[in-house]
Amino acid sequence: LASAIYFEARGETLAGQLAVGQVVVNRSQSGRFPQDYCGVVAQPGQFSFVSRGSIPAAPQGSAAWQRATAIARIVHQDLWDSAAEDALYFHARRVRPQWASRKLARAEIDNHIFY
């Protein structure tokens, strides 16, 4: 969960990082994706930072990693009301994936759109 937050949203505001984490949690609870966070993140073609099912190591001593792990705890414990609500998908604003036209946008936070 922290890796997804770190690699997908470390330059975003707190709300943006929380929303990315919320998507991972939502997927794990949806019954349509793996039931654990690592399984969700490692699924082929789902997260751009994952290569061949391998989640890269983050620089664990960095302030950004420390923040990502704290945010992951907040999301995991459901201590925050997310603007992304029940979103299962997101993408950066700079890209236009084909699947996005078939989804309902739930929120736009920082550099991401959530569906």
C-alpha atoms as a PDB file:
ATOM      1  CA  LEU A   1       0.000   0.000   0.000  1.00  0.00           C
ATOM      2  CA  ALA A   2       2.787   2.419   0.942  1.00  0.00           C
ATOM      3  CA  SER A   3       4.675   1.593  -2.270  1.00  0.00           C
ATOM      4  CA  ALA A   4       1.652   2.480  -4.403  1.00  0.00           C
ATOM      5  CA  ILE A   5       1.273   5.768  -2.552  1.00  0.00           C
ATOM      6  CA  TYR A   6       4.986   6.513  -2.818  1.00  0.00           C
ATOM      7  CA  PHE A   7       5.480   5.656  -6.486  1.00  0.00           C
ATOM      8  CA  GLU A   8       2.149   6.928  -7.807  1.00  0.00           C
ATOM      9  CA  ALA A   9       1.601  10.051  -5.713  1.00  0.00           C
ATOM     10  CA  ARG A  10       4.581  11.106  -3.593  1.00  0.00           C
ATOM     11  CA  GLY A  11       4.583  14.594  -5.153  1.00  0.00           C
ATOM     12  CA  GLU A  12       0.863  15.079  -4.564  1.00  0.00           C
ATOM     13  CA  THR A  13      -0.971  16.723  -1.690  1.00  0.00           C
ATOM     14  CA  LEU A  14      -2.102  14.678   1.272  1.00  0.00           C
ATOM     15  CA  ALA A  15      -5.562  14.322  -0.305  1.00  0.00           C
ATOM     16  CA  GLY A  16      -4.045  12.980  -3.525  1.00  0.00           C
ATOM     17  CA  GLN A  17      -1.872  10.451  -1.738  1.00  0.00           C
ATOM     18  CA  LEU A  18      -4.767   9.300   0.426  1.00  0.00           C
ATOM     19  CA  ALA A  19      -6.957   8.862  -2.661  1.00  0.00           C
ATOM     20  CA  VAL A  20      -4.384   6.665  -4.418  1.00  0.00           C
ATOM     21  CA  GLY A  21      -4.185   4.512  -1.305  1.00  0.00           C
ATOM     22  CA  GLN A  22      -7.977   4.363  -1.151  1.00  0.00           C
ATOM     23  CA  VAL A  23      -8.118   2.853  -4.652  1.00  0.00           C
ATOM     24  CA  VAL A  24      -5.801   0.028  -3.567  1.00  0.00           C
ATOM     25  CA  VAL A  25      -7.913  -0.638  -0.464  1.00  0.00           C
ATOM     26  CA  ASN A  26     -11.141  -0.473  -2.484  1.00  0.00           C
ATOM     27  CA  ARG A  27      -9.798  -2.967  -4.983  1.00  0.00           C
ATOM     28  CA  SER A  28      -8.747  -5.399  -2.254  1.00  0.00           C
ATOM     29  CA  GLN A  29     -12.279  -5.290  -0.829  1.00  0.00           C
ATOM     30  CA  SER A  30     -14.190  -5.384  -4.123  1.00  0.00           C
ATOM     31  CA  GLY A  31     -14.047  -9.099  -4.921  1.00  0.00           C
ATOM     32  CA  ARG A  32     -12.890  -8.211  -8.453  1.00  0.00           C
ATOM     33  CA  PHE A  33      -9.188  -7.929  -7.634  1.00  0.00           C
ATOM     34  CA  PRO A  34      -6.802  -9.812  -5.344  1.00  0.00           C
ATOM     35  CA  GLN A  35      -7.782  -9.557  -1.672  1.00  0.00           C
ATOM     36  CA  ASP A  36      -4.427  -8.275  -0.418  1.00  0.00           C
ATOM     37  CA  TYR A  37      -2.709  -4.979  -1.145  1.00  0.00           C
ATOM     38  CA  CYS A  38       0.444  -6.492  -2.638  1.00  0.00           C
ATOM     39  CA  GLY A  39      -1.652  -8.655  -4.947  1.00  0.00           C
ATOM     40  CA  VAL A  40      -3.622  -5.617  -6.093  1.00  0.00           C
ATOM     41  CA  VAL A  41      -0.490  -3.570  -6.745  1.00  0.00           C
ATOM     42  CA  ALA A  42       1.449  -6.383  -8.444  1.00  0.00           C
ATOM     43  CA  GLN A  43      -1.346  -7.262 -10.880  1.00  0.00           C
ATOM     44  CA  PRO A  44      -0.025  -6.993 -14.449  1.00  0.00           C
ATOM     45  CA  GLY A  45      -0.762  -3.724 -16.229  1.00  0.00           C
ATOM     46  CA  GLN A  46      -2.372  -1.974 -13.278  1.00  0.00           C
ATOM     47  CA  PHE A  47       0.351   0.281 -11.861  1.00  0.00           C
ATOM     48  CA  SER A  48       3.026   1.864 -14.025  1.00  0.00           C
ATOM     49  CA  PHE A  49       5.810   1.490 -11.472  1.00  0.00           C
ATOM     50  CA  VAL A  50       5.437  -2.315 -11.275  1.00  0.00           C
ATOM     51  CA  SER A  51       7.652  -4.276 -13.648  1.00  0.00           C
ATOM     52  CA  ARG A  52       6.806  -7.927 -14.404  1.00  0.00           C
ATOM     53  CA  GLY A  53       4.882  -8.268 -11.150  1.00  0.00           C
ATOM     54  CA  SER A  54       7.749  -6.892  -9.084  1.00  0.00           C
ATOM     55  CA  ILE A  55       7.234  -3.919  -6.789  1.00  0.00           C
ATOM     56  CA  PRO A  56      10.446  -1.887  -6.618  1.00  0.00           C
ATOM     57  CA  ALA A  57      12.037  -0.981  -3.311  1.00  0.00           C
ATOM     58  CA  ALA A  58      11.500   2.576  -2.147  1.00  0.00           C
ATOM     59  CA  PRO A  59      14.242   4.554  -0.385  1.00  0.00           C
ATOM     60  CA  GLN A  60      13.114   3.694   3.128  1.00  0.00           C
ATOM     61  CA  GLY A  61      15.093   6.400   4.857  1.00  0.00           C
ATOM     62  CA  SER A  62      13.565   9.212   2.826  1.00  0.00           C
ATOM     63  CA  ALA A  63      10.984  11.642   4.168  1.00  0.00           C
ATOM     64  CA  ALA A  64       8.692  10.784   1.234  1.00  0.00           C
ATOM     65  CA  TRP A  65       8.757   7.080   2.172  1.00  0.00           C
ATOM     66  CA  GLN A  66       8.095   7.848   5.837  1.00  0.00           C
ATOM     67  CA  ARG A  67       5.117   9.942   4.778  1.00  0.00           C
ATOM     68  CA  ALA A  68       3.827   7.219   2.431  1.00  0.00           C
ATOM     69  CA  THR A  69       3.916   4.637   5.218  1.00  0.00           C
ATOM     70  CA  ALA A  70       2.052   6.983   7.584  1.00  0.00           C
ATOM     71  CA  ILE A  71      -0.564   7.674   4.904  1.00  0.00           C
ATOM     72  CA  ALA A  72      -0.901   3.935   4.248  1.00  0.00           C
ATOM     73  CA  ARG A  73      -1.723   3.391   7.924  1.00  0.00           C
ATOM     74  CA  ILE A  74      -4.391   6.121   7.780  1.00  0.00           C
ATOM     75  CA  VAL A  75      -5.985   4.604   4.680  1.00  0.00           C
ATOM     76  CA  HIS A  76      -5.762   1.023   5.960  1.00  0.00           C
ATOM     77  CA  GLN A  77      -7.434   1.979   9.240  1.00  0.00           C
ATOM     78  CA  ASP A  78     -10.149   3.944   7.409  1.00  0.00           C
ATOM     79  CA  LEU A  79      -9.381   7.104   9.383  1.00  0.00           C
ATOM     80  CA  TRP A  80     -10.204   9.491   6.564  1.00  0.00           C
ATOM     81  CA  ASP A  81     -13.156  10.249   4.287  1.00  0.00           C
ATOM     82  CA  SER A  82     -11.827  10.059   0.752  1.00  0.00           C
ATOM     83  CA  ALA A  83     -13.005  12.250  -2.095  1.00  0.00           C
ATOM     84  CA  ALA A  84     -12.270   9.169  -4.218  1.00  0.00           C
ATOM     85  CA  GLU A  85     -14.926   7.293  -2.195  1.00  0.00           C
ATOM     86  CA  ASP A  86     -15.439   3.897  -3.847  1.00  0.00           C
ATOM     87  CA  ALA A  87     -13.142   4.480  -6.843  1.00  0.00           C
ATOM     88  CA  LEU A  88     -11.462   1.386  -8.264  1.00  0.00           C
ATOM     89  CA  TYR A  89      -9.431   3.119 -10.968  1.00  0.00           C
ATOM     90  CA  PHE A  90      -7.387   6.239 -11.491  1.00  0.00           C
ATOM     91  CA  HIS A  91      -4.993   7.682 -14.015  1.00  0.00           C
ATOM     92  CA  ALA A  92      -2.787  10.717 -14.378  1.00  0.00           C
ATOM     93  CA  ARG A  93      -4.405  13.710 -16.072  1.00  0.00           C
ATOM     94  CA  ARG A  94      -1.700  13.684 -18.741  1.00  0.00           C
ATOM     95  CA  VAL A  95      -2.912  10.356 -20.191  1.00  0.00           C
ATOM     96  CA  ARG A  96      -6.244   9.298 -21.688  1.00  0.00           C
ATOM     97  CA  PRO A  97      -6.656   5.521 -21.344  1.00  0.00           C
ATOM     98  CA  GLN A  98      -9.343   3.957 -23.519  1.00  0.00           C
ATOM     99  CA  TRP A  99     -11.122   2.443 -20.515  1.00  0.00           C
ATOM    100  CA  ALA A 100     -11.726   5.883 -18.963  1.00  0.00           C
ATOM    101  CA  SER A 101     -14.521   6.724 -21.401  1.00  0.00           C
ATOM    102  CA  ARG A 102     -16.487   3.739 -20.020  1.00  0.00           C
ATOM    103  CA  LYS A 103     -16.159   4.791 -16.360  1.00  0.00           C
ATOM    104  CA  LEU A 104     -17.796   7.464 -14.211  1.00  0.00           C
ATOM    105  CA  ALA A 105     -15.304  10.001 -12.868  1.00  0.00           C
ATOM    106  CA  ARG A 106     -15.694  10.269  -9.078  1.00  0.00           C
ATOM    107  CA  ALA A 107     -13.079  12.885  -8.283  1.00  0.00           C
ATOM    108  CA  GLU A 108     -10.198  14.889  -9.688  1.00  0.00           C
ATOM    109  CA  ILE A 109      -7.467  15.341  -7.129  1.00  0.00           C
ATOM    110  CA  ASP A 110      -4.120  16.921  -7.943  1.00  0.00           C
ATOM    111  CA  ASN A 111      -2.752  15.194 -11.047  1.00  0.00           C
ATOM    112  CA  HIS A 112      -5.132  12.219 -11.031  1.00  0.00           C
ATOM    113  CA  ILE A 113      -8.684  11.411 -12.066  1.00  0.00           C
ATOM    114  CA  PHE A 114     -10.473   8.736 -10.023  1.00  0.00           C
ATOM    115  CA  TYR A 115     -13.224   6.418 -11.313  1.00  0.00           C
END
